[in-house]
Amino acid sequence: MFPFLELTPLILQAFLQTFFDPSYLFLFLVVCAIIAIQYNRMEKMRENFFGVRAGRSKRDLLTAIGYGLLGGLLASFLVIFIGLTISGELYYLWPVAILLMMLNIRFICFAYAGGILALSNLILGVPQINVSQILALVAVLHMVESFLILVSGHLGAVPAYIKGPEGKVIGGFTLQRFWPIPIVALAVIAGAVAEGGIEMPGWWPLIMPGVEGDPQNLTFALLPLLAGLGYGDIAIARSPAEKSRLSAIFLGLYSLILLALAVLAGHNRVMALLAAVFSPLGHEAVIYIGRWIELKGKPLYVPAAEGMRIMDVLPDGPFWHAGLRPGDIVVAVNGVKFADKTEFYNLLQSSFLPAGIDYISLPDGTTKNTVVKPPEPGKPWGVAPAPEGNESKYVELLTAGPLGRWILKLWGKAR
């Protein structure tokens, strides 16, 4: 028998070898292409605020791939430790997830596809899948997602004007991250020790039911599985980093509950139905609670009593190099005070020489002075002010996909 630690080099080897499979590499690149489209869309949203492309989309994509590989490796160890085995029917997840994504971008998450497939199996008898195993896979993926949100959910936050529950426009950030997740999982290849197979340790699998026969007399192989994870949220009453940490906690609790229900689902049909329903609805609850907390909290980026509050600063822009950061309050330009952001920009535009900026620093509340050099011709100043509350342009908190937008358009005409 192989001790679990001795499986580590086998897992690492199988994980790396998956990318030498042309068909798997092709699918991985397709997922990366879908993710690239989402990051390009975020780049356009950022451009609307600063008037220039920040050039983050490629860097965001490479960062997402790096974190996705790390998350995939973590998921591989969790899948094998828990005792999940992969079989062909798990690939029902992707077609259903892509169809759901056409309705709403966030539905690409396997929590929805897994729950629908599990309910279809329990109620209609099709497709032929192991409900316990597929929901446990969803739980493991969300454990990994909670880790990825914790360490990178705040990266690339996009400033946005958001219409609050009372109809007033408030400042905040949209948080959206996407990761390709390559996973190495177990598959039964023989009823006895087979050449090239893996004989599992004596304790395995004690956690996850669903493997037919005595696991000690079965042989397993390490096979690849590809998943995609996405995170979408808003930060209004908290900074992007604080909000992503809170979201990671909520999602981690969701994944632990779903995993417990998935284990029980292998022994009881009622628990299987409960787990199948909890998979999508529990995920929706996590999203709803997260947004409710933000919308009910005290917004951070609101108009200052005097001057203009900064909501975001373009990295490497003039205001960034001058030392101003989100939350700082600009009170004067070249010693001249102003009433609103329109006057603020007029004062900047009339300043041909470096502009002297008086501002209140967020950390300590002290008044400071700095010099902001004018941007190159055609380039923006790189500062996003907090909204004044009466803006006509703001972000709708909707993530409808192409099919979803088409349905909404038809519904609007029908009304």
Protein backbone atom coordinates (compact mmCIF):
# COMPACT_ATOMS: atom_id res chain seq x y z
CA MET A 1 0.00 0.00 0.00
CA PHE A 2 1.14 3.52 -0.78
CA PRO A 3 1.09 5.97 2.12
CA PHE A 4 -0.69 9.16 1.18
CA LEU A 5 2.54 11.15 1.15
CA GLU A 6 3.98 8.79 -1.43
CA LEU A 7 1.09 9.71 -3.73
CA THR A 8 2.31 13.31 -3.85
CA PRO A 9 4.94 12.86 -6.59
CA LEU A 10 2.45 10.78 -8.60
CA ILE A 11 -0.14 13.56 -8.34
CA LEU A 12 2.40 16.21 -9.33
CA GLN A 13 3.59 14.12 -12.27
CA ALA A 14 0.05 13.46 -13.50
CA PHE A 15 -0.84 17.14 -13.03
CA LEU A 16 2.02 18.25 -15.29
CA GLN A 17 1.47 15.51 -17.85
CA THR A 18 -2.13 16.57 -18.49
CA PHE A 19 -0.87 19.59 -20.42
CA PHE A 20 0.93 17.33 -22.89
CA ASP A 21 -2.43 15.91 -23.94
CA PRO A 22 -3.47 17.96 -27.04
CA SER A 23 -7.21 17.59 -26.41
CA TYR A 24 -6.90 18.61 -22.75
CA LEU A 25 -4.61 21.51 -23.63
CA PHE A 26 -7.13 22.67 -26.24
CA LEU A 27 -9.96 22.67 -23.69
CA PHE A 28 -7.76 24.50 -21.20
CA LEU A 29 -7.00 27.19 -23.80
CA VAL A 30 -10.73 27.49 -24.62
CA VAL A 31 -11.50 28.14 -20.94
CA CYS A 32 -8.66 30.67 -20.83
CA ALA A 33 -10.15 32.39 -23.90
CA ILE A 34 -13.54 32.66 -22.19
CA ILE A 35 -11.84 34.13 -19.14
CA ALA A 36 -9.86 36.56 -21.33
CA ILE A 37 -13.15 37.89 -22.73
CA GLN A 38 -14.36 38.63 -19.21
CA TYR A 39 -11.16 40.47 -18.29
CA ASN A 40 -11.36 42.51 -21.50
CA ARG A 41 -14.90 43.50 -20.52
CA MET A 42 -13.61 44.63 -17.12
CA GLU A 43 -10.87 46.61 -18.85
CA LYS A 44 -13.51 48.50 -20.84
CA MET A 45 -15.36 49.31 -17.61
CA ARG A 46 -12.12 50.67 -16.14
CA GLU A 47 -11.53 52.70 -19.31
CA ASN A 48 -14.93 54.37 -18.88
CA PHE A 49 -13.74 55.76 -15.55
CA PHE A 50 -10.20 56.85 -16.38
CA GLY A 51 -10.54 57.58 -20.09
CA VAL A 52 -7.64 55.31 -20.99
CA ARG A 53 -7.00 51.58 -21.04
CA ALA A 54 -4.90 50.62 -18.06
CA GLY A 55 -3.50 47.62 -19.90
CA ARG A 56 -4.40 45.22 -17.09
CA SER A 57 -6.33 42.58 -19.04
CA LYS A 58 -3.30 40.53 -20.11
CA ARG A 59 -1.74 40.78 -16.67
CA ASP A 60 -5.03 39.83 -15.04
CA LEU A 61 -5.33 36.81 -17.33
CA LEU A 62 -1.80 35.60 -16.57
CA THR A 63 -2.39 36.14 -12.85
CA ALA A 64 -5.64 34.19 -13.07
CA ILE A 65 -3.92 31.29 -14.86
CA GLY A 66 -1.19 31.22 -12.21
CA TYR A 67 -3.64 31.19 -9.32
CA GLY A 68 -5.80 28.69 -11.24
CA LEU A 69 -2.90 26.25 -11.50
CA LEU A 70 -2.25 26.62 -7.78
CA GLY A 71 -5.95 26.12 -7.04
CA GLY A 72 -6.10 23.10 -9.35
CA LEU A 73 -3.21 21.47 -7.54
CA LEU A 74 -4.90 22.09 -4.19
CA ALA A 75 -8.19 20.73 -5.56
CA SER A 76 -6.39 17.59 -6.80
CA PHE A 77 -5.12 16.77 -3.32
CA LEU A 78 -8.54 17.48 -1.78
CA VAL A 79 -10.35 15.32 -4.35
CA ILE A 80 -8.06 12.37 -3.74
CA PHE A 81 -8.05 12.79 0.03
CA ILE A 82 -11.85 12.94 0.18
CA GLY A 83 -12.17 9.90 -2.06
CA LEU A 84 -13.84 11.32 -5.15
CA THR A 85 -13.64 9.24 -8.31
CA ILE A 86 -14.18 10.71 -11.74
CA SER A 87 -16.34 9.06 -14.36
CA GLY A 88 -17.57 10.14 -17.78
CA GLU A 89 -20.90 11.46 -16.57
CA LEU A 90 -19.17 14.29 -14.69
CA TYR A 91 -18.56 15.92 -18.07
CA TYR A 92 -22.28 16.73 -18.16
CA LEU A 93 -21.26 19.65 -15.96
CA TRP A 94 -19.63 21.70 -18.70
CA PRO A 95 -22.45 21.72 -21.28
CA VAL A 96 -25.02 22.60 -18.61
CA ALA A 97 -22.74 25.28 -17.12
CA ILE A 98 -22.12 26.89 -20.53
CA LEU A 99 -25.86 26.91 -21.29
CA LEU A 100 -26.55 28.54 -17.93
CA MET A 101 -23.76 31.06 -18.57
CA MET A 102 -25.67 32.21 -21.65
CA LEU A 103 -28.49 33.19 -19.29
CA ASN A 104 -26.30 34.79 -16.64
CA ILE A 105 -22.50 35.04 -16.44
CA ARG A 106 -22.33 33.96 -12.81
CA PHE A 107 -24.21 30.72 -13.60
CA ILE A 108 -21.03 29.29 -15.14
CA CYS A 109 -20.32 28.23 -11.55
CA PHE A 110 -20.71 24.45 -11.15
CA ALA A 111 -22.94 24.96 -8.09
CA TYR A 112 -25.88 25.54 -10.45
CA ALA A 113 -25.06 22.88 -13.06
CA GLY A 114 -24.28 20.32 -10.35
CA GLY A 115 -27.54 21.00 -8.52
CA ILE A 116 -29.60 20.79 -11.71
CA LEU A 117 -27.96 17.52 -12.78
CA ALA A 118 -28.42 16.03 -9.31
CA LEU A 119 -32.11 16.99 -9.18
CA SER A 120 -32.66 15.63 -12.69
CA ASN A 121 -31.13 12.32 -11.67
CA LEU A 122 -33.13 12.08 -8.45
CA ILE A 123 -36.47 13.08 -9.98
CA LEU A 124 -36.26 11.87 -13.59
CA GLY A 125 -33.56 9.23 -13.36
CA VAL A 126 -31.37 10.93 -15.98
CA PRO A 127 -28.53 11.44 -16.49
CA GLN A 128 -26.90 8.42 -14.87
CA ILE A 129 -24.59 10.12 -12.39
CA ASN A 130 -23.51 9.60 -8.82
CA VAL A 131 -25.25 12.46 -6.99
CA SER A 132 -23.04 12.21 -3.94
CA GLN A 133 -19.84 12.36 -5.98
CA ILE A 134 -20.86 15.24 -8.25
CA LEU A 135 -22.03 17.43 -5.36
CA ALA A 136 -18.88 16.64 -3.40
CA LEU A 137 -16.88 17.79 -6.43
CA VAL A 138 -18.82 21.07 -6.40
CA ALA A 139 -18.04 21.44 -2.68
CA VAL A 140 -14.32 20.84 -3.22
CA LEU A 141 -14.20 23.37 -6.05
CA HIS A 142 -15.80 25.98 -3.80
CA MET A 143 -13.32 25.24 -1.04
CA VAL A 144 -10.61 26.08 -3.55
CA GLU A 145 -12.55 29.11 -4.77
CA SER A 146 -12.82 30.47 -1.22
CA PHE A 147 -9.02 30.19 -0.96
CA LEU A 148 -8.53 31.96 -4.31
CA ILE A 149 -10.93 34.74 -3.29
CA LEU A 150 -9.04 35.16 -0.02
CA VAL A 151 -5.68 35.63 -1.72
CA SER A 152 -6.66 37.31 -5.00
CA GLY A 153 -10.37 38.26 -4.99
CA HIS A 154 -9.57 41.96 -4.52
CA LEU A 155 -7.10 42.19 -7.41
CA GLY A 156 -8.21 44.23 -10.40
CA ALA A 157 -11.20 45.76 -8.60
CA VAL A 158 -13.00 48.14 -10.99
CA PRO A 159 -14.35 51.47 -9.66
CA ALA A 160 -18.03 51.97 -10.39
CA TYR A 161 -20.93 54.25 -9.66
CA ILE A 162 -23.69 52.05 -8.27
CA LYS A 163 -27.33 52.88 -7.69
CA GLY A 164 -28.10 52.18 -4.05
CA PRO A 165 -31.34 50.81 -2.57
CA GLU A 166 -32.68 54.35 -2.00
CA GLY A 167 -32.09 55.37 -5.60
CA LYS A 168 -29.00 57.45 -4.81
CA VAL A 169 -25.81 56.83 -6.76
CA ILE A 170 -22.93 55.76 -4.52
CA GLY A 171 -19.32 54.85 -5.16
CA GLY A 172 -17.90 51.37 -4.93
CA PHE A 173 -15.98 48.64 -6.68
CA THR A 174 -17.05 45.65 -8.72
CA LEU A 175 -15.00 42.57 -7.88
CA GLN A 176 -14.76 39.98 -10.62
CA ARG A 177 -12.20 37.22 -10.89
CA PHE A 178 -12.13 34.10 -13.06
CA TRP A 179 -9.79 31.11 -12.84
CA PRO A 180 -9.18 28.01 -15.00
CA ILE A 181 -8.87 25.01 -12.67
CA PRO A 182 -7.07 21.89 -13.97
CA ILE A 183 -7.62 18.94 -11.63
CA VAL A 184 -6.18 15.46 -11.34
CA ALA A 185 -8.79 13.02 -10.01
CA LEU A 186 -9.12 9.29 -9.45
CA ALA A 187 -10.83 6.83 -11.75
CA VAL A 188 -11.40 3.11 -11.18
CA ILE A 189 -9.57 1.14 -13.88
CA ALA A 190 -9.71 -2.43 -12.55
CA GLY A 191 -11.19 -4.69 -9.94
CA ALA A 192 -7.77 -5.95 -9.01
CA VAL A 193 -4.27 -4.53 -9.05
CA ALA A 194 -3.57 -3.56 -12.65
CA GLU A 195 -0.34 -2.61 -14.36
CA GLY A 196 0.16 1.15 -14.24
CA GLY A 197 -2.57 1.58 -11.63
CA ILE A 198 -2.42 2.90 -8.09
CA GLU A 199 -3.28 0.81 -5.07
CA MET A 200 -4.68 3.20 -2.48
CA PRO A 201 -3.75 3.40 1.21
CA GLY A 202 -5.66 1.26 3.68
CA TRP A 203 -7.62 4.17 5.12
CA TRP A 204 -9.04 5.25 1.74
CA PRO A 205 -11.87 6.04 1.08
CA LEU A 206 -13.38 6.52 4.50
CA ILE A 207 -15.00 9.89 3.78
CA MET A 208 -16.69 9.65 0.41
CA PRO A 209 -19.13 6.88 -0.50
CA GLY A 210 -19.89 5.88 -4.05
CA VAL A 211 -17.10 3.50 -5.07
CA GLU A 212 -18.58 0.10 -5.84
CA GLY A 213 -16.72 -2.82 -4.36
CA ASP A 214 -14.04 -2.96 -1.68
CA PRO A 215 -11.66 -0.05 -2.30
CA GLN A 216 -8.80 -2.17 -1.01
CA ASN A 217 -9.25 -4.54 -3.95
CA LEU A 218 -9.56 -1.85 -6.61
CA THR A 219 -6.95 -0.17 -8.78
CA PHE A 220 -7.13 3.49 -9.68
CA ALA A 221 -5.62 5.82 -12.26
CA LEU A 222 -5.08 9.57 -12.12
CA LEU A 223 -7.10 11.29 -14.84
CA PRO A 224 -7.55 15.00 -15.68
CA LEU A 225 -10.63 17.12 -15.15
CA LEU A 226 -11.04 20.77 -16.11
CA ALA A 227 -13.17 23.31 -14.26
CA GLY A 228 -13.66 27.06 -14.33
CA LEU A 229 -14.35 29.21 -11.30
CA GLY A 230 -15.71 32.74 -11.19
CA TYR A 231 -16.22 35.30 -8.44
CA GLY A 232 -18.39 38.41 -8.68
CA ASP A 233 -19.19 40.85 -5.90
CA ILE A 234 -19.37 44.53 -4.97
CA ALA A 235 -17.50 46.53 -2.34
CA ILE A 236 -19.33 49.61 -1.09
CA ALA A 237 -19.11 49.67 2.70
CA ARG A 238 -15.71 47.95 2.74
CA SER A 239 -12.50 48.09 0.79
CA PRO A 240 -12.08 45.44 -1.95
CA ALA A 241 -9.59 43.53 0.22
CA GLU A 242 -11.90 43.51 3.25
CA LYS A 243 -14.90 42.46 1.15
CA SER A 244 -13.05 39.61 -0.54
CA ARG A 245 -11.97 38.25 2.86
CA LEU A 246 -15.57 38.31 4.07
CA SER A 247 -16.77 36.62 0.87
CA ALA A 248 -14.13 33.92 1.28
CA ILE A 249 -15.44 33.12 4.78
CA PHE A 250 -19.05 32.85 3.58
CA LEU A 251 -18.11 30.67 0.61
CA GLY A 252 -15.91 28.46 2.78
CA LEU A 253 -18.82 27.80 5.14
CA TYR A 254 -21.06 27.02 2.15
CA SER A 255 -18.56 24.49 0.79
CA LEU A 256 -18.20 22.72 4.14
CA ILE A 257 -21.99 22.41 4.53
CA LEU A 258 -22.37 21.17 0.95
CA LEU A 259 -19.61 18.59 1.45
CA ALA A 260 -21.29 17.27 4.60
CA LEU A 261 -24.63 17.02 2.75
CA ALA A 262 -22.91 15.31 -0.20
CA VAL A 263 -21.46 12.64 2.10
CA LEU A 264 -24.88 12.06 3.69
CA ALA A 265 -26.46 11.99 0.21
CA GLY A 266 -24.69 8.71 -0.47
CA HIS A 267 -26.70 7.06 2.32
CA ASN A 268 -30.12 8.74 2.22
CA ARG A 269 -32.33 9.90 -0.66
CA VAL A 270 -33.88 12.73 1.38
CA MET A 271 -30.41 14.05 2.16
CA ALA A 272 -29.54 13.70 -1.53
CA LEU A 273 -32.51 15.92 -2.45
CA LEU A 274 -31.54 18.41 0.24
CA ALA A 275 -27.95 18.51 -1.03
CA ALA A 276 -29.09 18.97 -4.65
CA VAL A 277 -31.33 21.90 -3.67
CA PHE A 278 -28.72 23.44 -1.38
CA SER A 279 -26.05 23.45 -4.10
CA PRO A 280 -27.60 26.30 -6.19
CA LEU A 281 -29.78 27.94 -3.53
CA GLY A 282 -27.03 28.02 -0.93
CA HIS A 283 -24.74 29.64 -3.48
CA GLU A 284 -27.41 32.22 -4.29
CA ALA A 285 -27.78 32.89 -0.55
CA VAL A 286 -24.04 33.56 -0.27
CA ILE A 287 -24.28 36.11 -3.12
CA TYR A 288 -27.45 37.71 -1.73
CA ILE A 289 -26.10 38.04 1.82
CA GLY A 290 -22.84 39.51 0.55
CA ARG A 291 -24.63 42.17 -1.49
CA TRP A 292 -27.18 42.88 1.25
CA ILE A 293 -24.39 43.53 3.76
CA GLU A 294 -22.76 46.01 1.39
CA LEU A 295 -25.93 47.85 0.38
CA LYS A 296 -27.10 48.14 4.00
CA GLY A 297 -23.70 49.24 5.29
CA LYS A 298 -22.35 52.79 5.43
CA PRO A 299 -20.78 53.60 2.04
CA LEU A 300 -17.10 54.50 2.10
CA TYR A 301 -16.99 56.56 -1.07
CA VAL A 302 -19.50 59.38 -0.56
CA PRO A 303 -19.13 63.14 -1.12
CA ALA A 304 -16.92 64.89 1.40
CA ALA A 305 -18.20 67.82 3.44
CA GLU A 306 -15.59 69.96 1.69
CA GLY A 307 -13.57 69.16 -1.41
CA MET A 308 -13.64 65.94 -3.42
CA ARG A 309 -13.15 62.40 -2.12
CA ILE A 310 -10.99 60.15 -4.30
CA MET A 311 -12.51 56.75 -5.04
CA ASP A 312 -9.67 55.28 -7.07
CA VAL A 313 -6.35 56.25 -8.61
CA LEU A 314 -4.94 54.86 -11.84
CA PRO A 315 -1.65 53.06 -11.08
CA ASP A 316 1.34 54.85 -12.62
CA GLY A 317 -0.85 57.89 -13.36
CA PRO A 318 -0.02 61.48 -12.28
CA PHE A 319 -2.07 61.33 -9.07
CA TRP A 320 -0.58 57.93 -8.17
CA HIS A 321 2.98 59.22 -8.53
CA ALA A 322 2.06 62.25 -6.45
CA GLY A 323 1.16 59.96 -3.55
CA LEU A 324 -2.64 60.27 -3.53
CA ARG A 325 -4.63 57.13 -2.79
CA PRO A 326 -8.29 56.01 -2.62
CA GLY A 327 -10.13 57.69 0.25
CA ASP A 328 -8.01 60.85 0.28
CA ILE A 329 -9.93 64.14 0.05
CA VAL A 330 -8.67 66.86 -2.30
CA VAL A 331 -9.57 70.28 -0.86
CA ALA A 332 -7.75 72.73 -3.16
CA VAL A 333 -5.90 72.95 -6.49
CA ASN A 334 -3.11 75.56 -6.57
CA GLY A 335 -4.60 77.02 -3.41
CA VAL A 336 -8.06 77.44 -4.96
CA LYS A 337 -10.98 75.62 -3.37
CA PHE A 338 -13.78 74.19 -5.51
CA ALA A 339 -17.44 73.25 -5.10
CA ASP A 340 -17.69 70.04 -7.13
CA LYS A 341 -15.74 67.67 -9.36
CA THR A 342 -16.53 69.73 -12.47
CA GLU A 343 -14.73 72.75 -10.97
CA PHE A 344 -11.95 70.42 -9.83
CA TYR A 345 -11.31 69.21 -13.38
CA ASN A 346 -11.53 72.77 -14.74
CA LEU A 347 -8.82 73.85 -12.32
CA LEU A 348 -6.64 70.92 -13.36
CA GLN A 349 -7.10 71.60 -17.07
CA SER A 350 -6.16 75.26 -16.62
CA SER A 351 -2.95 74.27 -14.87
CA PHE A 352 -0.17 74.08 -17.47
CA LEU A 353 2.52 73.72 -14.84
CA PRO A 354 2.53 70.98 -12.16
CA ALA A 355 -0.54 71.49 -9.99
CA GLY A 356 -0.24 71.97 -6.27
CA ILE A 357 -2.77 69.73 -4.49
CA ASP A 358 -3.92 70.22 -0.91
CA TYR A 359 -5.53 67.06 0.42
CA ILE A 360 -6.56 65.27 3.58
CA SER A 361 -4.79 61.92 3.88
CA LEU A 362 -7.08 58.99 4.71
CA PRO A 363 -4.88 57.10 7.21
CA ASP A 364 -4.24 59.90 9.71
CA GLY A 365 -6.62 62.70 8.68
CA THR A 366 -3.81 65.24 8.35
CA THR A 367 -3.75 67.92 5.64
CA LYS A 368 -0.88 67.50 3.20
CA ASN A 369 0.39 69.13 0.03
CA THR A 370 1.82 67.49 -3.06
CA VAL A 371 2.56 68.34 -6.66
CA VAL A 372 0.85 66.57 -9.54
CA LYS A 373 2.56 66.73 -12.91
CA PRO A 374 0.29 67.18 -15.93
CA PRO A 375 -0.27 64.02 -17.96
CA GLU A 376 1.08 63.54 -21.46
CA PRO A 377 -1.08 65.05 -24.23
CA GLY A 378 -4.20 62.96 -24.73
CA LYS A 379 -3.73 61.10 -21.44
CA PRO A 380 -6.04 61.48 -18.40
CA TRP A 381 -5.10 62.64 -14.92
CA GLY A 382 -5.86 59.16 -13.64
CA VAL A 383 -8.18 59.94 -10.75
CA ALA A 384 -11.75 58.72 -10.18
CA PRO A 385 -13.75 60.95 -7.82
CA ALA A 386 -16.47 59.65 -5.55
CA PRO A 387 -19.95 60.30 -6.99
CA GLU A 388 -21.92 63.32 -5.92
CA GLY A 389 -25.15 61.30 -5.89
CA ASN A 390 -26.86 62.75 -8.94
CA GLU A 391 -24.89 61.03 -11.71
CA SER A 392 -26.90 59.86 -14.70
CA LYS A 393 -24.53 57.01 -15.55
CA TYR A 394 -24.12 54.11 -13.18
CA VAL A 395 -23.59 50.36 -13.18
CA GLU A 396 -26.58 48.05 -13.09
CA LEU A 397 -25.96 45.10 -10.78
CA LEU A 398 -26.88 42.64 -13.52
CA THR A 399 -24.72 39.93 -15.10
CA ALA A 400 -27.06 38.66 -17.78
CA GLY A 401 -25.43 36.68 -20.57
CA PRO A 402 -26.30 36.92 -24.30
CA LEU A 403 -29.32 34.63 -24.04
CA GLY A 404 -30.44 36.32 -20.83
CA ARG A 405 -30.22 39.78 -22.42
CA TRP A 406 -32.21 38.53 -25.42
CA ILE A 407 -34.94 37.15 -23.13
CA LEU A 408 -35.04 40.41 -21.15
CA LYS A 409 -35.31 42.36 -24.40
CA LEU A 410 -38.22 40.22 -25.58
CA TRP A 411 -39.88 40.56 -22.19
CA GLY A 412 -39.53 44.32 -22.36
CA LYS A 413 -41.20 44.43 -25.78
CA ALA A 414 -43.98 42.12 -24.61
CA ARG A 415 -44.77 44.43 -21.72
